[in-house]
Amino acid sequence: MCVEFRSLNQACPKDTYPLPRIDAMVDRTVGYEVMSFLDAFSGYHQIWMAKGDEEKTAFITDYGTYCYRVMPFGLKNADATYQRMIDTVFKNQRGRNLEAYVDDVLVKSRSLAEHLGDLQETLNTLRRYNLKLNPTKYTFGAASGKFLGYLVSVRGIEANPDKISAIQNMPSPRTAKEIQKLAGRINSLGRFISKAGDRCSPFFQCLRAVRGDSGTAGAKQHLLN
């Protein structure tokens, strides 16, 4: 279920707690022999709302008016709140044998024997704080896997095959929205593409042409063709 929290979000001050840099976090997974990929079960719903704030999440249904007792999706500061919690919970493991970005958790080890201990430490921490994992979204003891949009392994970081297929299977763009979609997908693979900015330049020229900017008549014609 999704609730529109636009008005509530406009009234809330911004929580400036930072999310980790994805590129730096992915780089820290390189060189580990064994990894486990975990996902929190309905992650945000594992954080209780403050008693005085529950009614602020109220919503109307055909059966009455209700409010959330746990943190719902869609709140302005939900990501920052969850990241602060997960950083606190795993403060003794972050960067050492674990990486966590919001509800995506990766346990990393140099050997299988070491990994068993690292997993035990992680599960003990989850049990201590009563945090639950999604039983349908996990991989234990893998040599490689997908993490934050990348394929990570002991060999290093590779492009996610799903992202490559998404680009290969796209029809030729005919509108500004389709060009933006293609440029965004290519940008997500930027670290694997030499001179990605230069290669995407024609797309941006087309966008300027579609929006009516001057000096891009050739690009606009290229798009239409």
C-alpha atoms as a PDB file:
ATOM      1  CA  MET A   1       0.000   0.000   0.000  1.00  0.00           C
ATOM      2  CA  CYS A   2       1.218   3.502  -0.842  1.00  0.00           C
ATOM      3  CA  VAL A   3       0.133   6.686   0.950  1.00  0.00           C
ATOM      4  CA  GLU A   4       0.619  10.200  -0.450  1.00  0.00           C
ATOM      5  CA  PHE A   5       2.763  12.061   2.107  1.00  0.00           C
ATOM      6  CA  ARG A   6       3.510  15.148  -0.010  1.00  0.00           C
ATOM      7  CA  SER A   7       2.025  17.682   2.401  1.00  0.00           C
ATOM      8  CA  LEU A   8       3.614  16.012   5.430  1.00  0.00           C
ATOM      9  CA  ASN A   9       6.995  15.908   3.694  1.00  0.00           C
ATOM     10  CA  GLN A  10       6.789  19.610   2.845  1.00  0.00           C
ATOM     11  CA  ALA A  11       6.222  20.389   6.525  1.00  0.00           C
ATOM     12  CA  CYS A  12       9.105  18.221   7.773  1.00  0.00           C
ATOM     13  CA  PRO A  13      12.649  19.574   8.184  1.00  0.00           C
ATOM     14  CA  LYS A  14      15.271  17.729   6.153  1.00  0.00           C
ATOM     15  CA  ASP A  15      17.345  15.108   7.966  1.00  0.00           C
ATOM     16  CA  THR A  16      20.854  15.653   6.591  1.00  0.00           C
ATOM     17  CA  TYR A  17      22.253  12.307   7.733  1.00  0.00           C
ATOM     18  CA  PRO A  18      24.247  11.165   4.678  1.00  0.00           C
ATOM     19  CA  LEU A  19      23.792   7.969   2.719  1.00  0.00           C
ATOM     20  CA  PRO A  20      27.057   6.147   1.937  1.00  0.00           C
ATOM     21  CA  ARG A  21      28.722   6.733  -1.421  1.00  0.00           C
ATOM     22  CA  ILE A  22      27.761   3.761  -3.563  1.00  0.00           C
ATOM     23  CA  ASP A  23      30.984   3.781  -5.599  1.00  0.00           C
ATOM     24  CA  ALA A  24      33.166   3.784  -2.479  1.00  0.00           C
ATOM     25  CA  MET A  25      31.102   1.043  -0.848  1.00  0.00           C
ATOM     26  CA  VAL A  26      31.275  -1.156  -3.946  1.00  0.00           C
ATOM     27  CA  ASP A  27      35.045  -0.600  -4.183  1.00  0.00           C
ATOM     28  CA  ARG A  28      35.417  -1.953  -0.640  1.00  0.00           C
ATOM     29  CA  THR A  29      34.024  -5.341  -1.733  1.00  0.00           C
ATOM     30  CA  VAL A  30      36.950  -6.090  -4.057  1.00  0.00           C
ATOM     31  CA  GLY A  31      39.268  -8.973  -3.159  1.00  0.00           C
ATOM     32  CA  TYR A  32      36.963 -10.955  -0.873  1.00  0.00           C
ATOM     33  CA  GLU A  33      36.645 -14.676  -1.596  1.00  0.00           C
ATOM     34  CA  VAL A  34      33.239 -15.320  -0.026  1.00  0.00           C
ATOM     35  CA  MET A  35      30.206 -13.067   0.269  1.00  0.00           C
ATOM     36  CA  SER A  36      26.631 -13.253   1.491  1.00  0.00           C
ATOM     37  CA  PHE A  37      23.934 -10.904   0.232  1.00  0.00           C
ATOM     38  CA  LEU A  38      21.105 -10.072   2.637  1.00  0.00           C
ATOM     39  CA  ASP A  39      17.995  -7.930   2.448  1.00  0.00           C
ATOM     40  CA  ALA A  40      15.898  -6.627   5.328  1.00  0.00           C
ATOM     41  CA  PHE A  41      12.279  -7.774   5.514  1.00  0.00           C
ATOM     42  CA  SER A  42      10.033  -4.727   4.915  1.00  0.00           C
ATOM     43  CA  GLY A  43      12.986  -2.725   6.167  1.00  0.00           C
ATOM     44  CA  TYR A  44      11.340   0.584   7.023  1.00  0.00           C
ATOM     45  CA  HIS A  45       8.518  -1.170   8.852  1.00  0.00           C
ATOM     46  CA  GLN A  46      11.021  -2.461  11.400  1.00  0.00           C
ATOM     47  CA  ILE A  47      11.418   1.051  12.823  1.00  0.00           C
ATOM     48  CA  TRP A  48       8.687   2.182  15.216  1.00  0.00           C
ATOM     49  CA  MET A  49       7.188   5.640  14.856  1.00  0.00           C
ATOM     50  CA  ALA A  50       7.522   8.024  17.803  1.00  0.00           C
ATOM     51  CA  LYS A  51       4.270   7.999  19.774  1.00  0.00           C
ATOM     52  CA  GLY A  52       3.563  11.659  19.119  1.00  0.00           C
ATOM     53  CA  ASP A  53       4.115  11.307  15.387  1.00  0.00           C
ATOM     54  CA  GLU A  54       1.954   8.290  14.561  1.00  0.00           C
ATOM     55  CA  GLU A  55      -1.187  10.338  13.867  1.00  0.00           C
ATOM     56  CA  LYS A  56       0.733  12.497  11.373  1.00  0.00           C
ATOM     57  CA  THR A  57       0.793   9.500   9.024  1.00  0.00           C
ATOM     58  CA  ALA A  58      -3.014   9.149   9.095  1.00  0.00           C
ATOM     59  CA  PHE A  59      -4.816   8.074   5.928  1.00  0.00           C
ATOM     60  CA  ILE A  60      -8.474   7.516   5.060  1.00  0.00           C
ATOM     61  CA  THR A  61      -9.918   4.267   3.696  1.00  0.00           C
ATOM     62  CA  ASP A  62     -13.422   2.962   3.029  1.00  0.00           C
ATOM     63  CA  TYR A  63     -13.240   1.250   6.408  1.00  0.00           C
ATOM     64  CA  GLY A  64     -12.053   4.155   8.528  1.00  0.00           C
ATOM     65  CA  THR A  65      -9.062   6.348   9.293  1.00  0.00           C
ATOM     66  CA  TYR A  66      -5.802   4.688  10.226  1.00  0.00           C
ATOM     67  CA  CYS A  67      -2.206   5.681  10.960  1.00  0.00           C
ATOM     68  CA  TYR A  68       1.122   3.911  10.909  1.00  0.00           C
ATOM     69  CA  ARG A  69       2.747   2.612  14.070  1.00  0.00           C
ATOM     70  CA  VAL A  70       5.905   1.806  12.111  1.00  0.00           C
ATOM     71  CA  MET A  71       7.805   3.977   9.643  1.00  0.00           C
ATOM     72  CA  PRO A  72       6.103   3.807   6.225  1.00  0.00           C
ATOM     73  CA  PHE A  73       7.643   4.126   2.796  1.00  0.00           C
ATOM     74  CA  GLY A  74       7.370   7.567   1.229  1.00  0.00           C
ATOM     75  CA  LEU A  75       8.379   9.727   4.173  1.00  0.00           C
ATOM     76  CA  LYS A  76      10.936  12.416   3.369  1.00  0.00           C
ATOM     77  CA  ASN A  77      13.518  11.266   5.893  1.00  0.00           C
ATOM     78  CA  ALA A  78      12.909   7.519   5.771  1.00  0.00           C
ATOM     79  CA  ASP A  79      16.186   6.698   4.004  1.00  0.00           C
ATOM     80  CA  ALA A  80      18.266   8.836   6.366  1.00  0.00           C
ATOM     81  CA  THR A  81      16.505   7.394   9.421  1.00  0.00           C
ATOM     82  CA  TYR A  82      17.049   3.822   8.302  1.00  0.00           C
ATOM     83  CA  GLN A  83      20.691   4.413   7.347  1.00  0.00           C
ATOM     84  CA  ARG A  84      21.400   5.964  10.742  1.00  0.00           C
ATOM     85  CA  MET A  85      19.861   2.926  12.409  1.00  0.00           C
ATOM     86  CA  ILE A  86      21.762   0.402  10.292  1.00  0.00           C
ATOM     87  CA  ASP A  87      25.048   2.287  10.792  1.00  0.00           C
ATOM     88  CA  THR A  88      24.500   2.224  14.552  1.00  0.00           C
ATOM     89  CA  VAL A  89      23.546  -1.452  14.631  1.00  0.00           C
ATOM     90  CA  PHE A  90      26.578  -2.540  12.593  1.00  0.00           C
ATOM     91  CA  LYS A  91      29.048   0.062  13.870  1.00  0.00           C
ATOM     92  CA  ASN A  92      31.562  -2.648  14.835  1.00  0.00           C
ATOM     93  CA  GLN A  93      31.387  -4.404  11.449  1.00  0.00           C
ATOM     94  CA  ARG A  94      31.015  -1.656   8.842  1.00  0.00           C
ATOM     95  CA  GLY A  95      33.985  -1.624   6.471  1.00  0.00           C
ATOM     96  CA  ARG A  96      35.581  -4.614   8.223  1.00  0.00           C
ATOM     97  CA  ASN A  97      33.422  -7.572   7.222  1.00  0.00           C
ATOM     98  CA  LEU A  98      30.173  -5.897   6.220  1.00  0.00           C
ATOM     99  CA  GLU A  99      28.767  -3.179   3.964  1.00  0.00           C
ATOM    100  CA  ALA A 100      25.225  -1.852   4.368  1.00  0.00           C
ATOM    101  CA  TYR A 101      23.345   0.606   2.195  1.00  0.00           C
ATOM    102  CA  VAL A 102      19.881   1.211   3.661  1.00  0.00           C
ATOM    103  CA  ASP A 103      18.351  -2.297   3.643  1.00  0.00           C
ATOM    104  CA  ASP A 104      20.941  -3.977   1.374  1.00  0.00           C
ATOM    105  CA  VAL A 105      23.587  -5.805   3.411  1.00  0.00           C
ATOM    106  CA  LEU A 106      26.704  -7.608   2.174  1.00  0.00           C
ATOM    107  CA  VAL A 107      28.859  -9.768   4.454  1.00  0.00           C
ATOM    108  CA  LYS A 108      32.391 -10.230   3.042  1.00  0.00           C
ATOM    109  CA  SER A 109      35.235 -12.549   4.062  1.00  0.00           C
ATOM    110  CA  ARG A 110      38.691 -13.623   2.919  1.00  0.00           C
ATOM    111  CA  SER A 111      37.941 -17.348   3.316  1.00  0.00           C
ATOM    112  CA  LEU A 112      35.048 -19.739   3.893  1.00  0.00           C
ATOM    113  CA  ALA A 113      36.148 -20.493   7.451  1.00  0.00           C
ATOM    114  CA  GLU A 114      36.321 -16.776   8.199  1.00  0.00           C
ATOM    115  CA  HIS A 115      32.939 -16.262   6.567  1.00  0.00           C
ATOM    116  CA  LEU A 116      31.176 -18.608   8.952  1.00  0.00           C
ATOM    117  CA  GLY A 117      32.348 -16.463  11.845  1.00  0.00           C
ATOM    118  CA  ASP A 118      31.421 -13.230  10.067  1.00  0.00           C
ATOM    119  CA  LEU A 119      27.930 -14.540   9.334  1.00  0.00           C
ATOM    120  CA  GLN A 120      27.500 -15.638  12.936  1.00  0.00           C
ATOM    121  CA  GLU A 121      28.515 -12.174  14.123  1.00  0.00           C
ATOM    122  CA  THR A 122      26.043 -10.559  11.708  1.00  0.00           C
ATOM    123  CA  LEU A 123      23.145 -12.822  12.653  1.00  0.00           C
ATOM    124  CA  ASN A 124      23.851 -12.322  16.358  1.00  0.00           C
ATOM    125  CA  THR A 125      23.700  -8.556  15.824  1.00  0.00           C
ATOM    126  CA  LEU A 126      20.410  -8.825  13.925  1.00  0.00           C
ATOM    127  CA  ARG A 127      18.965 -10.999  16.685  1.00  0.00           C
ATOM    128  CA  ARG A 128      20.153  -8.580  19.380  1.00  0.00           C
ATOM    129  CA  TYR A 129      18.272  -5.701  17.763  1.00  0.00           C
ATOM    130  CA  ASN A 130      15.311  -7.849  16.654  1.00  0.00           C
ATOM    131  CA  LEU A 131      15.844  -7.092  12.959  1.00  0.00           C
ATOM    132  CA  LYS A 132      14.452  -9.540  10.413  1.00  0.00           C
ATOM    133  CA  LEU A 133      15.697 -10.608   6.978  1.00  0.00           C
ATOM    134  CA  ASN A 134      13.678 -11.289   3.851  1.00  0.00           C
ATOM    135  CA  PRO A 135      13.603 -15.114   3.507  1.00  0.00           C
ATOM    136  CA  THR A 136      13.123 -14.873  -0.277  1.00  0.00           C
ATOM    137  CA  LYS A 137      15.969 -12.447  -1.034  1.00  0.00           C
ATOM    138  CA  TYR A 138      19.321 -13.726   0.191  1.00  0.00           C
ATOM    139  CA  THR A 139      22.416 -15.541  -1.057  1.00  0.00           C
ATOM    140  CA  PHE A 140      24.845 -17.197   1.359  1.00  0.00           C
ATOM    141  CA  GLY A 141      28.476 -18.072   0.712  1.00  0.00           C
ATOM    142  CA  ALA A 142      28.740 -16.895  -2.900  1.00  0.00           C
ATOM    143  CA  ALA A 143      31.885 -16.100  -4.889  1.00  0.00           C
ATOM    144  CA  SER A 144      30.092 -13.267  -6.685  1.00  0.00           C
ATOM    145  CA  GLY A 145      26.771 -11.466  -6.727  1.00  0.00           C
ATOM    146  CA  LYS A 146      24.872  -8.276  -7.469  1.00  0.00           C
ATOM    147  CA  PHE A 147      25.270  -5.426  -5.008  1.00  0.00           C
ATOM    148  CA  LEU A 148      23.929  -1.898  -5.475  1.00  0.00           C
ATOM    149  CA  GLY A 149      23.634  -2.320  -9.227  1.00  0.00           C
ATOM    150  CA  TYR A 150      27.072  -3.889  -9.782  1.00  0.00           C
ATOM    151  CA  LEU A 151      28.422  -7.413 -10.091  1.00  0.00           C
ATOM    152  CA  VAL A 152      31.087  -7.879  -7.409  1.00  0.00           C
ATOM    153  CA  SER A 153      33.535 -10.748  -6.948  1.00  0.00           C
ATOM    154  CA  VAL A 154      37.106 -11.506  -5.909  1.00  0.00           C
ATOM    155  CA  ARG A 155      38.135 -10.480  -9.438  1.00  0.00           C
ATOM    156  CA  GLY A 156      36.770  -6.988  -8.970  1.00  0.00           C
ATOM    157  CA  ILE A 157      33.752  -4.994 -10.089  1.00  0.00           C
ATOM    158  CA  GLU A 158      31.921  -5.806 -13.304  1.00  0.00           C
ATOM    159  CA  ALA A 159      28.985  -4.322 -15.164  1.00  0.00           C
ATOM    160  CA  ASN A 160      25.614  -5.732 -14.183  1.00  0.00           C
ATOM    161  CA  PRO A 161      24.440  -7.964 -17.090  1.00  0.00           C
ATOM    162  CA  ASP A 162      20.841  -6.884 -16.465  1.00  0.00           C
ATOM    163  CA  LYS A 163      21.767  -3.253 -17.118  1.00  0.00           C
ATOM    164  CA  ILE A 164      23.556  -4.174 -20.333  1.00  0.00           C
ATOM    165  CA  SER A 165      20.565  -6.190 -21.554  1.00  0.00           C
ATOM    166  CA  ALA A 166      18.218  -3.326 -20.708  1.00  0.00           C
ATOM    167  CA  ILE A 167      20.170  -1.049 -23.071  1.00  0.00           C
ATOM    168  CA  GLN A 168      20.534  -3.650 -25.816  1.00  0.00           C
ATOM    169  CA  ASN A 169      16.808  -4.399 -25.798  1.00  0.00           C
ATOM    170  CA  MET A 170      15.669  -0.771 -25.888  1.00  0.00           C
ATOM    171  CA  PRO A 171      14.061   0.459 -29.116  1.00  0.00           C
ATOM    172  CA  SER A 172      15.645   3.494 -30.765  1.00  0.00           C
ATOM    173  CA  PRO A 173      14.582   6.605 -28.794  1.00  0.00           C
ATOM    174  CA  ARG A 174      12.113   8.934 -30.515  1.00  0.00           C
ATOM    175  CA  THR A 175      11.183  11.356 -27.738  1.00  0.00           C
ATOM    176  CA  ALA A 176      12.988  13.447 -25.129  1.00  0.00           C
ATOM    177  CA  LYS A 177      11.770  11.132 -22.364  1.00  0.00           C
ATOM    178  CA  GLU A 178      13.118   8.088 -24.190  1.00  0.00           C
ATOM    179  CA  ILE A 179      16.483   9.821 -24.744  1.00  0.00           C
ATOM    180  CA  GLN A 180      16.687  10.668 -21.028  1.00  0.00           C
ATOM    181  CA  LYS A 181      15.903   7.059 -20.168  1.00  0.00           C
ATOM    182  CA  LEU A 182      18.650   5.772 -22.472  1.00  0.00           C
ATOM    183  CA  ALA A 183      21.184   8.342 -21.229  1.00  0.00           C
ATOM    184  CA  GLY A 184      20.391   7.388 -17.626  1.00  0.00           C
ATOM    185  CA  ARG A 185      20.959   3.705 -18.317  1.00  0.00           C
ATOM    186  CA  ILE A 186      24.252   4.398 -20.062  1.00  0.00           C
ATOM    187  CA  ASN A 187      25.323   6.707 -17.238  1.00  0.00           C
ATOM    188  CA  SER A 188      24.771   3.890 -14.723  1.00  0.00           C
ATOM    189  CA  LEU A 189      27.500   1.972 -16.584  1.00  0.00           C
ATOM    190  CA  GLY A 190      29.748   5.027 -16.870  1.00  0.00           C
ATOM    191  CA  ARG A 191      32.660   3.581 -14.899  1.00  0.00           C
ATOM    192  CA  PHE A 192      32.944   0.777 -17.472  1.00  0.00           C
ATOM    193  CA  ILE A 193      32.705   2.966 -20.600  1.00  0.00           C
ATOM    194  CA  SER A 194      35.711   4.890 -21.877  1.00  0.00           C
ATOM    195  CA  LYS A 195      34.885   8.588 -22.358  1.00  0.00           C
ATOM    196  CA  ALA A 196      31.258   7.994 -21.426  1.00  0.00           C
ATOM    197  CA  GLY A 197      30.552  11.736 -21.322  1.00  0.00           C
ATOM    198  CA  ASP A 198      31.753  12.239 -24.886  1.00  0.00           C
ATOM    199  CA  ARG A 199      29.815   9.227 -26.101  1.00  0.00           C
ATOM    200  CA  CYS A 200      26.600  10.571 -24.548  1.00  0.00           C
ATOM    201  CA  SER A 201      27.086  14.047 -26.006  1.00  0.00           C
ATOM    202  CA  PRO A 202      24.784  13.386 -29.012  1.00  0.00           C
ATOM    203  CA  PHE A 203      21.972  12.472 -26.624  1.00  0.00           C
ATOM    204  CA  PHE A 204      22.271  15.771 -24.771  1.00  0.00           C
ATOM    205  CA  GLN A 205      22.384  17.648 -28.074  1.00  0.00           C
ATOM    206  CA  CYS A 206      19.169  15.913 -29.074  1.00  0.00           C
ATOM    207  CA  LEU A 207      17.558  16.883 -25.777  1.00  0.00           C
ATOM    208  CA  ARG A 208      18.483  20.526 -26.298  1.00  0.00           C
ATOM    209  CA  ALA A 209      17.106  20.328 -29.824  1.00  0.00           C
ATOM    210  CA  VAL A 210      13.797  18.884 -28.655  1.00  0.00           C
ATOM    211  CA  ARG A 211      13.515  21.627 -26.022  1.00  0.00           C
ATOM    212  CA  GLY A 212      14.046  24.280 -28.671  1.00  0.00           C
ATOM    213  CA  ASP A 213      17.601  25.386 -27.827  1.00  0.00           C
ATOM    214  CA  SER A 214      19.507  27.048 -30.642  1.00  0.00           C
ATOM    215  CA  GLY A 215      22.401  25.586 -32.575  1.00  0.00           C
ATOM    216  CA  THR A 216      21.173  21.974 -32.521  1.00  0.00           C
ATOM    217  CA  ALA A 217      19.195  21.701 -35.732  1.00  0.00           C
ATOM    218  CA  GLY A 218      21.406  18.874 -36.942  1.00  0.00           C
ATOM    219  CA  ALA A 219      20.936  16.947 -33.713  1.00  0.00           C
ATOM    220  CA  LYS A 220      17.182  17.394 -33.896  1.00  0.00           C
ATOM    221  CA  GLN A 221      17.147  16.088 -37.455  1.00  0.00           C
ATOM    222  CA  HIS A 222      19.293  13.152 -36.345  1.00  0.00           C
ATOM    223  CA  LEU A 223      16.708  12.306 -33.675  1.00  0.00           C
ATOM    224  CA  LEU A 224      13.823  12.491 -36.122  1.00  0.00           C
ATOM    225  CA  ASN A 225      15.662  10.232 -38.535  1.00  0.00           C
END
